[in-house]
PDB file of N, CA and C in Angstrom:
ATOM      1  N   MET A   1       4.863  -5.256  -9.224  1.00  0.00           N
ATOM      2  CA  MET A   1       5.406  -5.034  -7.901  1.00  0.00           C
ATOM      3  C   MET A   1       5.883  -6.369  -7.353  1.00  0.00           C
ATOM      4  N   SER A   2       7.106  -6.425  -6.841  1.00  0.00           N
ATOM      5  CA  SER A   2       7.645  -7.670  -6.299  1.00  0.00           C
ATOM      6  C   SER A   2       7.933  -7.492  -4.821  1.00  0.00           C
ATOM      7  N   ASP A   3       7.790  -8.573  -4.086  1.00  0.00           N
ATOM      8  CA  ASP A   3       8.106  -8.558  -2.668  1.00  0.00           C
ATOM      9  C   ASP A   3       9.564  -8.918  -2.510  1.00  0.00           C
ATOM     10  N   THR A   4      10.336  -8.031  -1.892  1.00  0.00           N
ATOM     11  CA  THR A   4      11.757  -8.289  -1.722  1.00  0.00           C
ATOM     12  C   THR A   4      12.151  -8.032  -0.285  1.00  0.00           C
ATOM     13  N   SER A   5      13.174  -8.731   0.149  1.00  0.00           N
ATOM     14  CA  SER A   5      13.699  -8.497   1.480  1.00  0.00           C
ATOM     15  C   SER A   5      14.683  -7.345   1.417  1.00  0.00           C
ATOM     16  N   ILE A   6      15.272  -7.030   2.543  1.00  0.00           N
ATOM     17  CA  ILE A   6      16.210  -5.915   2.612  1.00  0.00           C
ATOM     18  C   ILE A   6      17.397  -6.135   1.668  1.00  0.00           C
ATOM     19  N   SER A   7      17.822  -7.377   1.509  1.00  0.00           N
ATOM     20  CA  SER A   7      18.974  -7.637   0.642  1.00  0.00           C
ATOM     21  C   SER A   7      18.616  -7.535  -0.830  1.00  0.00           C
ATOM     22  N   GLY A   8      17.291  -7.426  -1.136  1.00  0.00           N
ATOM     23  CA  GLY A   8      16.886  -7.269  -2.517  1.00  0.00           C
ATOM     24  C   GLY A   8      16.528  -8.571  -3.200  1.00  0.00           C
ATOM     25  N   THR A   9      16.611  -9.691  -2.504  1.00  0.00           N
ATOM     26  CA  THR A   9      16.245 -10.960  -3.117  1.00  0.00           C
ATOM     27  C   THR A   9      14.800 -11.281  -2.773  1.00  0.00           C
ATOM     28  N   SER A  10      14.140 -12.038  -3.635  1.00  0.00           N
ATOM     29  CA  SER A  10      12.740 -12.381  -3.425  1.00  0.00           C
ATOM     30  C   SER A  10      12.616 -13.335  -2.258  1.00  0.00           C
ATOM     31  N   ASN A  11      11.662 -13.059  -1.351  1.00  0.00           N
ATOM     32  CA  ASN A  11      11.479 -13.930  -0.203  1.00  0.00           C
ATOM     33  C   ASN A  11      10.098 -14.560  -0.170  1.00  0.00           C
ATOM     34  N   LEU A  12       9.256 -14.293  -1.168  1.00  0.00           N
ATOM     35  CA  LEU A  12       7.927 -14.853  -1.227  1.00  0.00           C
ATOM     36  C   LEU A  12       7.687 -15.489  -2.591  1.00  0.00           C
ATOM     37  N   MET A  13       6.881 -16.552  -2.599  1.00  0.00           N
ATOM     38  CA  MET A  13       6.549 -17.207  -3.853  1.00  0.00           C
ATOM     39  C   MET A  13       5.367 -16.482  -4.475  1.00  0.00           C
ATOM     40  N   GLY A  14       5.508 -16.062  -5.724  1.00  0.00           N
ATOM     41  CA  GLY A  14       4.427 -15.418  -6.435  1.00  0.00           C
ATOM     42  C   GLY A  14       3.540 -16.438  -7.112  1.00  0.00           C
ATOM     43  N   LYS A  15       2.479 -15.937  -7.743  1.00  0.00           N
ATOM     44  CA  LYS A  15       1.534 -16.865  -8.359  1.00  0.00           C
ATOM     45  C   LYS A  15       2.145 -17.621  -9.535  1.00  0.00           C
ATOM     46  N   ASP A  16       3.053 -17.004 -10.282  1.00  0.00           N
ATOM     47  CA  ASP A  16       3.692 -17.697 -11.408  1.00  0.00           C
ATOM     48  C   ASP A  16       4.551 -18.862 -10.922  1.00  0.00           C
ATOM     49  N   GLU A  17       5.328 -18.614  -9.863  1.00  0.00           N
ATOM     50  CA  GLU A  17       6.173 -19.678  -9.309  1.00  0.00           C
ATOM     51  C   GLU A  17       5.321 -20.810  -8.724  1.00  0.00           C
ATOM     52  N   PHE A  18       4.236 -20.428  -8.067  1.00  0.00           N
ATOM     53  CA  PHE A  18       3.341 -21.428  -7.488  1.00  0.00           C
ATOM     54  C   PHE A  18       2.744 -22.307  -8.577  1.00  0.00           C
ATOM     55  N   LEU A  19       2.286 -21.688  -9.673  1.00  0.00           N
ATOM     56  CA  LEU A  19       1.681 -22.443 -10.776  1.00  0.00           C
ATOM     57  C   LEU A  19       2.705 -23.358 -11.438  1.00  0.00           C
ATOM     58  N   LYS A  20       3.939 -22.885 -11.628  1.00  0.00           N
ATOM     59  CA  LYS A  20       4.992 -23.725 -12.223  1.00  0.00           C
ATOM     60  C   LYS A  20       5.274 -24.935 -11.336  1.00  0.00           C
ATOM     61  N   LEU A  21       5.356 -24.699 -10.036  1.00  0.00           N
ATOM     62  CA  LEU A  21       5.598 -25.796  -9.094  1.00  0.00           C
ATOM     63  C   LEU A  21       4.441 -26.799  -9.127  1.00  0.00           C
ATOM     64  N   PHE A  22       3.223 -26.298  -9.183  1.00  0.00           N
ATOM     65  CA  PHE A  22       2.042 -27.146  -9.219  1.00  0.00           C
ATOM     66  C   PHE A  22       2.022 -28.004 -10.489  1.00  0.00           C
ATOM     67  N   VAL A  23       2.303 -27.402 -11.646  1.00  0.00           N
ATOM     68  CA  VAL A  23       2.317 -28.133 -12.920  1.00  0.00           C
ATOM     69  C   VAL A  23       3.435 -29.176 -12.908  1.00  0.00           C
ATOM     70  N   THR A  24       4.591 -28.818 -12.398  1.00  0.00           N
ATOM     71  CA  THR A  24       5.708 -29.763 -12.308  1.00  0.00           C
ATOM     72  C   THR A  24       5.337 -30.941 -11.420  1.00  0.00           C
ATOM     73  N   GLN A  25       4.675 -30.652 -10.321  1.00  0.00           N
ATOM     74  CA  GLN A  25       4.228 -31.722  -9.419  1.00  0.00           C
ATOM     75  C   GLN A  25       3.262 -32.655 -10.147  1.00  0.00           C
ATOM     76  N   MET A  26       2.368 -32.096 -10.942  1.00  0.00           N
ATOM     77  CA  MET A  26       1.408 -32.920 -11.694  1.00  0.00           C
ATOM     78  C   MET A  26       2.125 -33.793 -12.736  1.00  0.00           C
ATOM     79  N   GLN A  27       3.164 -33.239 -13.393  1.00  0.00           N
ATOM     80  CA  GLN A  27       3.887 -33.971 -14.430  1.00  0.00           C
ATOM     81  C   GLN A  27       4.628 -35.172 -13.849  1.00  0.00           C
ATOM     82  N   TYR A  28       5.161 -35.035 -12.666  1.00  0.00           N
ATOM     83  CA  TYR A  28       6.016 -36.082 -12.095  1.00  0.00           C
ATOM     84  C   TYR A  28       5.323 -36.962 -11.063  1.00  0.00           C
ATOM     85  N   GLN A  29       4.016 -36.848 -10.955  1.00  0.00           N
ATOM     86  CA  GLN A  29       3.342 -37.727  -9.987  1.00  0.00           C
ATOM     87  C   GLN A  29       3.294 -39.159 -10.517  1.00  0.00           C
ATOM     88  N   ASP A  30       3.218 -40.079  -9.634  1.00  0.00           N
ATOM     89  CA  ASP A  30       3.158 -41.506  -9.977  1.00  0.00           C
ATOM     90  C   ASP A  30       1.777 -41.813 -10.562  1.00  0.00           C
ATOM     91  N   PRO A  31       1.711 -42.272 -11.830  1.00  0.00           N
ATOM     92  CA  PRO A  31       0.408 -42.540 -12.444  1.00  0.00           C
ATOM     93  C   PRO A  31      -0.351 -43.671 -11.740  1.00  0.00           C
ATOM     94  N   LEU A  32       0.367 -44.556 -11.071  1.00  0.00           N
ATOM     95  CA  LEU A  32      -0.296 -45.644 -10.357  1.00  0.00           C
ATOM     96  C   LEU A  32      -0.782 -45.211  -8.973  1.00  0.00           C
ATOM     97  N   ASN A  33      -0.271 -44.072  -8.520  1.00  0.00           N
ATOM     98  CA  ASN A  33      -0.655 -43.542  -7.215  1.00  0.00           C
ATOM     99  C   ASN A  33      -0.843 -42.030  -7.356  1.00  0.00           C
ATOM    100  N   PRO A  34      -1.898 -41.595  -8.069  1.00  0.00           N
ATOM    101  CA  PRO A  34      -2.064 -40.158  -8.322  1.00  0.00           C
ATOM    102  C   PRO A  34      -2.404 -39.380  -7.051  1.00  0.00           C
ATOM    103  N   MET A  35      -2.282 -38.083  -7.188  1.00  0.00           N
ATOM    104  CA  MET A  35      -2.567 -37.189  -6.069  1.00  0.00           C
ATOM    105  C   MET A  35      -4.029 -37.364  -5.629  1.00  0.00           C
ATOM    106  N   ASP A  36      -4.240 -37.346  -4.349  1.00  0.00           N
ATOM    107  CA  ASP A  36      -5.578 -37.453  -3.772  1.00  0.00           C
ATOM    108  C   ASP A  36      -6.417 -36.247  -4.218  1.00  0.00           C
ATOM    109  N   ASN A  37      -7.709 -36.462  -4.479  1.00  0.00           N
ATOM    110  CA  ASN A  37      -8.599 -35.377  -4.921  1.00  0.00           C
ATOM    111  C   ASN A  37      -8.652 -34.228  -3.928  1.00  0.00           C
ATOM    112  N   THR A  38      -8.660 -34.540  -2.647  1.00  0.00           N
ATOM    113  CA  THR A  38      -8.717 -33.469  -1.651  1.00  0.00           C
ATOM    114  C   THR A  38      -7.427 -32.652  -1.651  1.00  0.00           C
ATOM    115  N   GLU A  39      -6.294 -33.325  -1.857  1.00  0.00           N
ATOM    116  CA  GLU A  39      -5.011 -32.621  -1.958  1.00  0.00           C
ATOM    117  C   GLU A  39      -5.009 -31.696  -3.167  1.00  0.00           C
ATOM    118  N   PHE A  40      -5.467 -32.231  -4.301  1.00  0.00           N
ATOM    119  CA  PHE A  40      -5.515 -31.473  -5.544  1.00  0.00           C
ATOM    120  C   PHE A  40      -6.423 -30.247  -5.381  1.00  0.00           C
ATOM    121  N   THR A  41      -7.593 -30.451  -4.803  1.00  0.00           N
ATOM    122  CA  THR A  41      -8.534 -29.354  -4.588  1.00  0.00           C
ATOM    123  C   THR A  41      -7.948 -28.313  -3.636  1.00  0.00           C
ATOM    124  N   ALA A  42      -7.272 -28.763  -2.599  1.00  0.00           N
ATOM    125  CA  ALA A  42      -6.664 -27.832  -1.648  1.00  0.00           C
ATOM    126  C   ALA A  42      -5.591 -26.983  -2.317  1.00  0.00           C
ATOM    127  N   GLN A  43      -4.798 -27.596  -3.181  1.00  0.00           N
ATOM    128  CA  GLN A  43      -3.750 -26.831  -3.865  1.00  0.00           C
ATOM    129  C   GLN A  43      -4.349 -25.842  -4.857  1.00  0.00           C
ATOM    130  N   LEU A  44      -5.421 -26.228  -5.539  1.00  0.00           N
ATOM    131  CA  LEU A  44      -6.092 -25.286  -6.438  1.00  0.00           C
ATOM    132  C   LEU A  44      -6.690 -24.118  -5.652  1.00  0.00           C
ATOM    133  N   ALA A  45      -7.240 -24.416  -4.488  1.00  0.00           N
ATOM    134  CA  ALA A  45      -7.791 -23.356  -3.638  1.00  0.00           C
ATOM    135  C   ALA A  45      -6.686 -22.419  -3.162  1.00  0.00           C
ATOM    136  N   GLN A  46      -5.519 -22.964  -2.826  1.00  0.00           N
ATOM    137  CA  GLN A  46      -4.383 -22.130  -2.420  1.00  0.00           C
ATOM    138  C   GLN A  46      -3.953 -21.222  -3.560  1.00  0.00           C
ATOM    139  N   PHE A  47      -3.918 -21.775  -4.780  1.00  0.00           N
ATOM    140  CA  PHE A  47      -3.518 -20.958  -5.927  1.00  0.00           C
ATOM    141  C   PHE A  47      -4.528 -19.844  -6.149  1.00  0.00           C
ATOM    142  N   SER A  48      -5.802 -20.166  -6.063  1.00  0.00           N
ATOM    143  CA  SER A  48      -6.854 -19.162  -6.242  1.00  0.00           C
ATOM    144  C   SER A  48      -6.744 -18.072  -5.180  1.00  0.00           C
ATOM    145  N   SER A  49      -6.494 -18.465  -3.935  1.00  0.00           N
ATOM    146  CA  SER A  49      -6.331 -17.491  -2.850  1.00  0.00           C
ATOM    147  C   SER A  49      -5.113 -16.601  -3.082  1.00  0.00           C
ATOM    148  N   LEU A  50      -4.023 -17.208  -3.525  1.00  0.00           N
ATOM    149  CA  LEU A  50      -2.810 -16.444  -3.812  1.00  0.00           C
ATOM    150  C   LEU A  50      -3.067 -15.409  -4.898  1.00  0.00           C
ATOM    151  N   GLU A  51      -3.763 -15.818  -5.947  1.00  0.00           N
ATOM    152  CA  GLU A  51      -4.058 -14.892  -7.046  1.00  0.00           C
ATOM    153  C   GLU A  51      -4.939 -13.742  -6.572  1.00  0.00           C
ATOM    154  N   GLN A  52      -5.959 -14.038  -5.779  1.00  0.00           N
ATOM    155  CA  GLN A  52      -6.845 -12.999  -5.269  1.00  0.00           C
ATOM    156  C   GLN A  52      -6.113 -12.045  -4.328  1.00  0.00           C
ATOM    157  N   LEU A  53      -5.242 -12.573  -3.490  1.00  0.00           N
ATOM    158  CA  LEU A  53      -4.466 -11.714  -2.591  1.00  0.00           C
ATOM    159  C   LEU A  53      -3.511 -10.807  -3.371  1.00  0.00           C
ATOM    160  N   THR A  54      -2.934 -11.343  -4.431  1.00  0.00           N
ATOM    161  CA  THR A  54      -2.056 -10.540  -5.287  1.00  0.00           C
ATOM    162  C   THR A  54      -2.845  -9.402  -5.930  1.00  0.00           C
ATOM    163  N   ASN A  55      -4.040  -9.719  -6.427  1.00  0.00           N
ATOM    164  CA  ASN A  55      -4.891  -8.688  -7.026  1.00  0.00           C
ATOM    165  C   ASN A  55      -5.314  -7.646  -5.999  1.00  0.00           C
ATOM    166  N   LEU A  56      -5.654  -8.096  -4.805  1.00  0.00           N
ATOM    167  CA  LEU A  56      -6.051  -7.186  -3.738  1.00  0.00           C
ATOM    168  C   LEU A  56      -4.899  -6.257  -3.351  1.00  0.00           C
ATOM    169  N   ASN A  57      -3.697  -6.810  -3.276  1.00  0.00           N
ATOM    170  CA  ASN A  57      -2.517  -6.008  -2.960  1.00  0.00           C
ATOM    171  C   ASN A  57      -2.302  -4.923  -4.011  1.00  0.00           C
ATOM    172  N   SER A  58      -2.463  -5.279  -5.257  1.00  0.00           N
ATOM    173  CA  SER A  58      -2.300  -4.308  -6.341  1.00  0.00           C
ATOM    174  C   SER A  58      -3.349  -3.199  -6.244  1.00  0.00           C
ATOM    175  N   GLN A  59      -4.580  -3.574  -5.947  1.00  0.00           N
ATOM    176  CA  GLN A  59      -5.647  -2.584  -5.820  1.00  0.00           C
ATOM    177  C   GLN A  59      -5.418  -1.675  -4.624  1.00  0.00           C
ATOM    178  N   MET A  60      -4.921  -2.221  -3.523  1.00  0.00           N
ATOM    179  CA  MET A  60      -4.638  -1.391  -2.340  1.00  0.00           C
ATOM    180  C   MET A  60      -3.521  -0.389  -2.635  1.00  0.00           C
ATOM    181  N   THR A  61      -2.538  -0.822  -3.399  1.00  0.00           N
ATOM    182  CA  THR A  61      -1.457   0.083  -3.791  1.00  0.00           C
ATOM    183  C   THR A  61      -2.014   1.230  -4.623  1.00  0.00           C
ATOM    184  N   ASP A  62      -2.925   0.923  -5.542  1.00  0.00           N
ATOM    185  CA  ASP A  62      -3.554   1.967  -6.362  1.00  0.00           C
ATOM    186  C   ASP A  62      -4.355   2.938  -5.504  1.00  0.00           C
ATOM    187  N   ILE A  63      -5.064   2.406  -4.505  1.00  0.00           N
ATOM    188  CA  ILE A  63      -5.855   3.265  -3.620  1.00  0.00           C
ATOM    189  C   ILE A  63      -4.942   4.189  -2.813  1.00  0.00           C
ATOM    190  N   LEU A  64      -3.830   3.666  -2.312  1.00  0.00           N
ATOM    191  CA  LEU A  64      -2.894   4.504  -1.548  1.00  0.00           C
ATOM    192  C   LEU A  64      -2.278   5.587  -2.420  1.00  0.00           C
ATOM    193  N   THR A  65      -1.980   5.265  -3.658  1.00  0.00           N
ATOM    194  CA  THR A  65      -1.444   6.265  -4.586  1.00  0.00           C
ATOM    195  C   THR A  65      -2.464   7.367  -4.817  1.00  0.00           C
ATOM    196  N   TYR A  66      -3.719   6.981  -5.020  1.00  0.00           N
ATOM    197  CA  TYR A  66      -4.796   7.953  -5.206  1.00  0.00           C
ATOM    198  C   TYR A  66      -4.959   8.823  -3.964  1.00  0.00           C
ATOM    199  N   GLU A  67      -4.919   8.201  -2.782  1.00  0.00           N
ATOM    200  CA  GLU A  67      -5.071   8.952  -1.536  1.00  0.00           C
ATOM    201  C   GLU A  67      -3.948   9.977  -1.372  1.00  0.00           C
ATOM    202  N   ASN A  68      -2.717   9.585  -1.662  1.00  0.00           N
ATOM    203  CA  ASN A  68      -1.591  10.525  -1.568  1.00  0.00           C
ATOM    204  C   ASN A  68      -1.763  11.674  -2.553  1.00  0.00           C
ATOM    205  N   SER A  69      -2.229  11.371  -3.744  1.00  0.00           N
ATOM    206  CA  SER A  69      -2.467  12.416  -4.742  1.00  0.00           C
ATOM    207  C   SER A  69      -3.542  13.386  -4.261  1.00  0.00           C
ATOM    208  N   LEU A  70      -4.593  12.845  -3.658  1.00  0.00           N
ATOM    209  CA  LEU A  70      -5.666  13.674  -3.128  1.00  0.00           C
ATOM    210  C   LEU A  70      -5.156  14.568  -2.000  1.00  0.00           C
ATOM    211  N   HIS A  71      -4.341  14.006  -1.109  1.00  0.00           N
ATOM    212  CA  HIS A  71      -3.757  14.818  -0.023  1.00  0.00           C
ATOM    213  C   HIS A  71      -2.912  15.953  -0.587  1.00  0.00           C
ATOM    214  N   ASN A  72      -2.142  15.676  -1.623  1.00  0.00           N
ATOM    215  CA  ASN A  72      -1.307  16.708  -2.230  1.00  0.00           C
ATOM    216  C   ASN A  72      -2.153  17.827  -2.825  1.00  0.00           C
ATOM    217  N   THR A  73      -3.255  17.459  -3.482  1.00  0.00           N
ATOM    218  CA  THR A  73      -4.144  18.456  -4.084  1.00  0.00           C
ATOM    219  C   THR A  73      -4.800  19.311  -3.005  1.00  0.00           C
ATOM    220  N   ILE A  74      -5.284  18.673  -1.958  1.00  0.00           N
ATOM    221  CA  ILE A  74      -5.908  19.413  -0.853  1.00  0.00           C
ATOM    222  C   ILE A  74      -4.894  20.347  -0.214  1.00  0.00           C
ATOM    223  N   SER A  75      -3.692  19.846  -0.003  1.00  0.00           N
ATOM    224  CA  SER A  75      -2.645  20.671   0.622  1.00  0.00           C
ATOM    225  C   SER A  75      -2.329  21.894  -0.216  1.00  0.00           C
ATOM    226  N   ALA A  76      -2.199  21.721  -1.504  1.00  0.00           N
ATOM    227  CA  ALA A  76      -1.885  22.848  -2.398  1.00  0.00           C
ATOM    228  C   ALA A  76      -2.998  23.893  -2.363  1.00  0.00           C
ATOM    229  N   SER A  77      -4.240  23.431  -2.231  1.00  0.00           N
ATOM    230  CA  SER A  77      -5.360  24.384  -2.205  1.00  0.00           C
ATOM    231  C   SER A  77      -5.406  25.180  -0.897  1.00  0.00           C
ATOM    232  N   LEU A  78      -4.687  24.739   0.125  1.00  0.00           N
ATOM    233  CA  LEU A  78      -4.697  25.433   1.416  1.00  0.00           C
ATOM    234  C   LEU A  78      -3.620  26.512   1.531  1.00  0.00           C
ATOM    235  N   ILE A  79      -2.707  26.577   0.579  1.00  0.00           N
ATOM    236  CA  ILE A  79      -1.649  27.599   0.657  1.00  0.00           C
ATOM    237  C   ILE A  79      -2.295  28.984   0.645  1.00  0.00           C
ATOM    238  N   GLY A  80      -1.900  29.803   1.624  1.00  0.00           N
ATOM    239  CA  GLY A  80      -2.431  31.153   1.771  1.00  0.00           C
ATOM    240  C   GLY A  80      -3.637  31.233   2.694  1.00  0.00           C
ATOM    241  N   LYS A  81      -4.167  30.097   3.104  1.00  0.00           N
ATOM    242  CA  LYS A  81      -5.340  30.077   3.998  1.00  0.00           C
ATOM    243  C   LYS A  81      -4.874  30.025   5.455  1.00  0.00           C
ATOM    244  N   ASN A  82      -5.709  30.577   6.323  1.00  0.00           N
ATOM    245  CA  ASN A  82      -5.445  30.502   7.757  1.00  0.00           C
ATOM    246  C   ASN A  82      -6.090  29.234   8.293  1.00  0.00           C
ATOM    247  N   VAL A  83      -5.329  28.484   9.100  1.00  0.00           N
ATOM    248  CA  VAL A  83      -5.836  27.250   9.682  1.00  0.00           C
ATOM    249  C   VAL A  83      -5.600  27.235  11.187  1.00  0.00           C
ATOM    250  N   THR A  84      -6.467  26.523  11.864  1.00  0.00           N
ATOM    251  CA  THR A  84      -6.293  26.248  13.285  1.00  0.00           C
ATOM    252  C   THR A  84      -6.013  24.759  13.380  1.00  0.00           C
ATOM    253  N   TYR A  85      -5.098  24.366  14.241  1.00  0.00           N
ATOM    254  CA  TYR A  85      -4.702  22.962  14.310  1.00  0.00           C
ATOM    255  C   TYR A  85      -4.474  22.541  15.750  1.00  0.00           C
ATOM    256  N   SER A  86      -4.601  21.229  15.963  1.00  0.00           N
ATOM    257  CA  SER A  86      -4.303  20.639  17.262  1.00  0.00           C
ATOM    258  C   SER A  86      -3.597  19.325  17.007  1.00  0.00           C
ATOM    259  N   GLY A  87      -3.232  18.625  18.039  1.00  0.00           N
ATOM    260  CA  GLY A  87      -2.485  17.377  17.900  1.00  0.00           C
ATOM    261  C   GLY A  87      -1.262  17.463  18.786  1.00  0.00           C
ATOM    262  N   ASP A  88      -0.086  17.081  18.232  1.00  0.00           N
ATOM    263  CA  ASP A  88       1.155  17.212  19.005  1.00  0.00           C
ATOM    264  C   ASP A  88       1.399  18.673  19.355  1.00  0.00           C
ATOM    265  N   GLN A  89       1.035  19.547  18.427  1.00  0.00           N
ATOM    266  CA  GLN A  89       1.143  20.989  18.622  1.00  0.00           C
ATOM    267  C   GLN A  89      -0.250  21.554  18.393  1.00  0.00           C
ATOM    268  N   SER A  90      -0.530  22.716  18.934  1.00  0.00           N
ATOM    269  CA  SER A  90      -1.799  23.370  18.624  1.00  0.00           C
ATOM    270  C   SER A  90      -1.533  24.840  18.421  1.00  0.00           C
ATOM    271  N   GLY A  91      -2.363  25.456  17.611  1.00  0.00           N
ATOM    272  CA  GLY A  91      -2.203  26.864  17.312  1.00  0.00           C
ATOM    273  C   GLY A  91      -2.951  27.214  16.045  1.00  0.00           C
ATOM    274  N   SER A  92      -2.557  28.324  15.453  1.00  0.00           N
ATOM    275  CA  SER A  92      -3.156  28.750  14.191  1.00  0.00           C
ATOM    276  C   SER A  92      -2.123  29.549  13.420  1.00  0.00           C
ATOM    277  N   GLY A  93      -2.353  29.683  12.147  1.00  0.00           N
ATOM    278  CA  GLY A  93      -1.438  30.428  11.300  1.00  0.00           C
ATOM    279  C   GLY A  93      -1.804  30.258   9.841  1.00  0.00           C
ATOM    280  N   THR A  94      -0.959  30.829   8.987  1.00  0.00           N
ATOM    281  CA  THR A  94      -1.187  30.790   7.545  1.00  0.00           C
ATOM    282  C   THR A  94      -0.348  29.677   6.935  1.00  0.00           C
ATOM    283  N   VAL A  95      -0.978  28.897   6.055  1.00  0.00           N
ATOM    284  CA  VAL A  95      -0.259  27.835   5.350  1.00  0.00           C
ATOM    285  C   VAL A  95       0.639  28.503   4.323  1.00  0.00           C
ATOM    286  N   THR A  96       1.948  28.297   4.466  1.00  0.00           N
ATOM    287  CA  THR A  96       2.910  28.937   3.563  1.00  0.00           C
ATOM    288  C   THR A  96       3.609  27.940   2.635  1.00  0.00           C
ATOM    289  N   GLY A  97       3.397  26.649   2.856  1.00  0.00           N
ATOM    290  CA  GLY A  97       4.046  25.670   1.990  1.00  0.00           C
ATOM    291  C   GLY A  97       3.599  24.257   2.298  1.00  0.00           C
ATOM    292  N   ILE A  98       4.150  23.325   1.515  1.00  0.00           N
ATOM    293  CA  ILE A  98       3.858  21.909   1.662  1.00  0.00           C
ATOM    294  C   ILE A  98       5.186  21.172   1.798  1.00  0.00           C
ATOM    295  N   ASN A  99       5.204  20.171   2.649  1.00  0.00           N
ATOM    296  CA  ASN A  99       6.405  19.371   2.855  1.00  0.00           C
ATOM    297  C   ASN A  99       6.039  17.900   2.645  1.00  0.00           C
ATOM    298  N   PHE A 100       6.843  17.176   1.855  1.00  0.00           N
ATOM    299  CA  PHE A 100       6.610  15.754   1.610  1.00  0.00           C
ATOM    300  C   PHE A 100       7.724  14.950   2.268  1.00  0.00           C
ATOM    301  N   GLU A 101       7.338  14.076   3.210  1.00  0.00           N
ATOM    302  CA  GLU A 101       8.309  13.232   3.901  1.00  0.00           C
ATOM    303  C   GLU A 101       7.741  11.835   4.095  1.00  0.00           C
ATOM    304  N   ASN A 102       8.523  10.812   3.772  1.00  0.00           N
ATOM    305  CA  ASN A 102       8.136   9.418   4.026  1.00  0.00           C
ATOM    306  C   ASN A 102       6.725   9.099   3.528  1.00  0.00           C
ATOM    307  N   ASN A 103       6.440   9.486   2.299  1.00  0.00           N
ATOM    308  CA  ASN A 103       5.127   9.254   1.670  1.00  0.00           C
ATOM    309  C   ASN A 103       3.972   9.904   2.419  1.00  0.00           C
ATOM    310  N   ALA A 104       4.251  10.971   3.143  1.00  0.00           N
ATOM    311  CA  ALA A 104       3.209  11.716   3.845  1.00  0.00           C
ATOM    312  C   ALA A 104       3.313  13.185   3.454  1.00  0.00           C
ATOM    313  N   THR A 105       2.171  13.863   3.480  1.00  0.00           N
ATOM    314  CA  THR A 105       2.109  15.273   3.127  1.00  0.00           C
ATOM    315  C   THR A 105       1.890  16.091   4.393  1.00  0.00           C
ATOM    316  N   TYR A 106       2.699  17.128   4.575  1.00  0.00           N
ATOM    317  CA  TYR A 106       2.573  18.014   5.728  1.00  0.00           C
ATOM    318  C   TYR A 106       2.400  19.446   5.246  1.00  0.00           C
ATOM    319  N   LEU A 107       1.695  20.235   6.033  1.00  0.00           N
ATOM    320  CA  LEU A 107       1.549  21.658   5.752  1.00  0.00           C
ATOM    321  C   LEU A 107       2.583  22.422   6.565  1.00  0.00           C
ATOM    322  N   VAL A 108       3.148  23.456   5.978  1.00  0.00           N
ATOM    323  CA  VAL A 108       4.076  24.333   6.692  1.00  0.00           C
ATOM    324  C   VAL A 108       3.291  25.589   7.066  1.00  0.00           C
ATOM    325  N   ILE A 109       3.258  25.872   8.364  1.00  0.00           N
ATOM    326  CA  ILE A 109       2.509  27.014   8.881  1.00  0.00           C
ATOM    327  C   ILE A 109       3.484  28.122   9.231  1.00  0.00           C
ATOM    328  N   ASP A 110       3.265  29.302   8.644  1.00  0.00           N
ATOM    329  CA  ASP A 110       4.083  30.497   8.896  1.00  0.00           C
ATOM    330  C   ASP A 110       5.573  30.224   8.731  1.00  0.00           C
ATOM    331  N   ASP A 111       5.936  29.420   7.754  1.00  0.00           N
ATOM    332  CA  ASP A 111       7.330  29.087   7.404  1.00  0.00           C
ATOM    333  C   ASP A 111       8.114  28.407   8.524  1.00  0.00           C
ATOM    334  N   LYS A 112       7.430  27.856   9.546  1.00  0.00           N
ATOM    335  CA  LYS A 112       8.201  27.250  10.621  1.00  0.00           C
ATOM    336  C   LYS A 112       7.585  25.981  11.213  1.00  0.00           C
ATOM    337  N   THR A 113       6.296  25.892  11.326  1.00  0.00           N
ATOM    338  CA  THR A 113       5.654  24.750  11.974  1.00  0.00           C
ATOM    339  C   THR A 113       5.137  23.777  10.918  1.00  0.00           C
ATOM    340  N   LYS A 114       5.400  22.493  11.137  1.00  0.00           N
ATOM    341  CA  LYS A 114       4.948  21.457  10.206  1.00  0.00           C
ATOM    342  C   LYS A 114       3.841  20.652  10.879  1.00  0.00           C
ATOM    343  N   ILE A 115       2.669  20.548  10.195  1.00  0.00           N
ATOM    344  CA  ILE A 115       1.554  19.780  10.733  1.00  0.00           C
ATOM    345  C   ILE A 115       1.011  18.840   9.655  1.00  0.00           C
ATOM    346  N   SER A 116       0.325  17.794  10.096  1.00  0.00           N
ATOM    347  CA  SER A 116      -0.319  16.903   9.128  1.00  0.00           C
ATOM    348  C   SER A 116      -1.726  17.411   8.842  1.00  0.00           C
ATOM    349  N   LEU A 117      -2.292  16.972   7.725  1.00  0.00           N
ATOM    350  CA  LEU A 117      -3.641  17.394   7.359  1.00  0.00           C
ATOM    351  C   LEU A 117      -4.661  17.016   8.426  1.00  0.00           C
ATOM    352  N   GLY A 118      -4.457  15.892   9.080  1.00  0.00           N
ATOM    353  CA  GLY A 118      -5.388  15.430  10.100  1.00  0.00           C
ATOM    354  C   GLY A 118      -5.439  16.294  11.348  1.00  0.00           C
ATOM    355  N   ASP A 119      -4.429  17.151  11.522  1.00  0.00           N
ATOM    356  CA  ASP A 119      -4.388  18.014  12.696  1.00  0.00           C
ATOM    357  C   ASP A 119      -5.205  19.295  12.519  1.00  0.00           C
ATOM    358  N   ILE A 120      -5.678  19.576  11.318  1.00  0.00           N
ATOM    359  CA  ILE A 120      -6.433  20.808  11.064  1.00  0.00           C
ATOM    360  C   ILE A 120      -7.822  20.693  11.705  1.00  0.00           C
ATOM    361  N   THR A 121      -8.185  21.728  12.467  1.00  0.00           N
ATOM    362  CA  THR A 121      -9.516  21.747  13.087  1.00  0.00           C
ATOM    363  C   THR A 121     -10.428  22.782  12.435  1.00  0.00           C
ATOM    364  N   SER A 122      -9.839  23.803  11.804  1.00  0.00           N
ATOM    365  CA  SER A 122     -10.681  24.777  11.064  1.00  0.00           C
ATOM    366  C   SER A 122      -9.837  25.486  10.013  1.00  0.00           C
ATOM    367  N   ILE A 123     -10.523  25.948   8.968  1.00  0.00           N
ATOM    368  CA  ILE A 123      -9.885  26.668   7.863  1.00  0.00           C
ATOM    369  C   ILE A 123     -10.658  27.958   7.647  1.00  0.00           C
ATOM    370  N   SER A 124      -9.918  29.080   7.500  1.00  0.00           N
ATOM    371  CA  SER A 124     -10.598  30.345   7.211  1.00  0.00           C
ATOM    372  C   SER A 124      -9.867  31.108   6.132  1.00  0.00           C
TER     373      SER A 124
END
């Protein structure tokens, strides 16, 4: 997964680019005036933080994918069931279908009303 701006070009430095820059900096430093230990340690800590954040981002993406899959499964199991719902709209009816929009799952009630799973207050 890459971070891109609207134009499609990369706008963030990834861990590979950071490591290449760090190694290049080490290669071209003045041997008579080497990098300060605290500077070196700080840059290593930044690289470690970047790597951990990248891993965390990947894991969060996996969790969101799993959550969407779970919502889809729950929604499919509700087809034909009567539900009561509240939220922007309130009422009750039979789940007649599922609608997927903008990475969200909605239930279609009586072929006309669209509600989110979170709006359900009871199932019968």
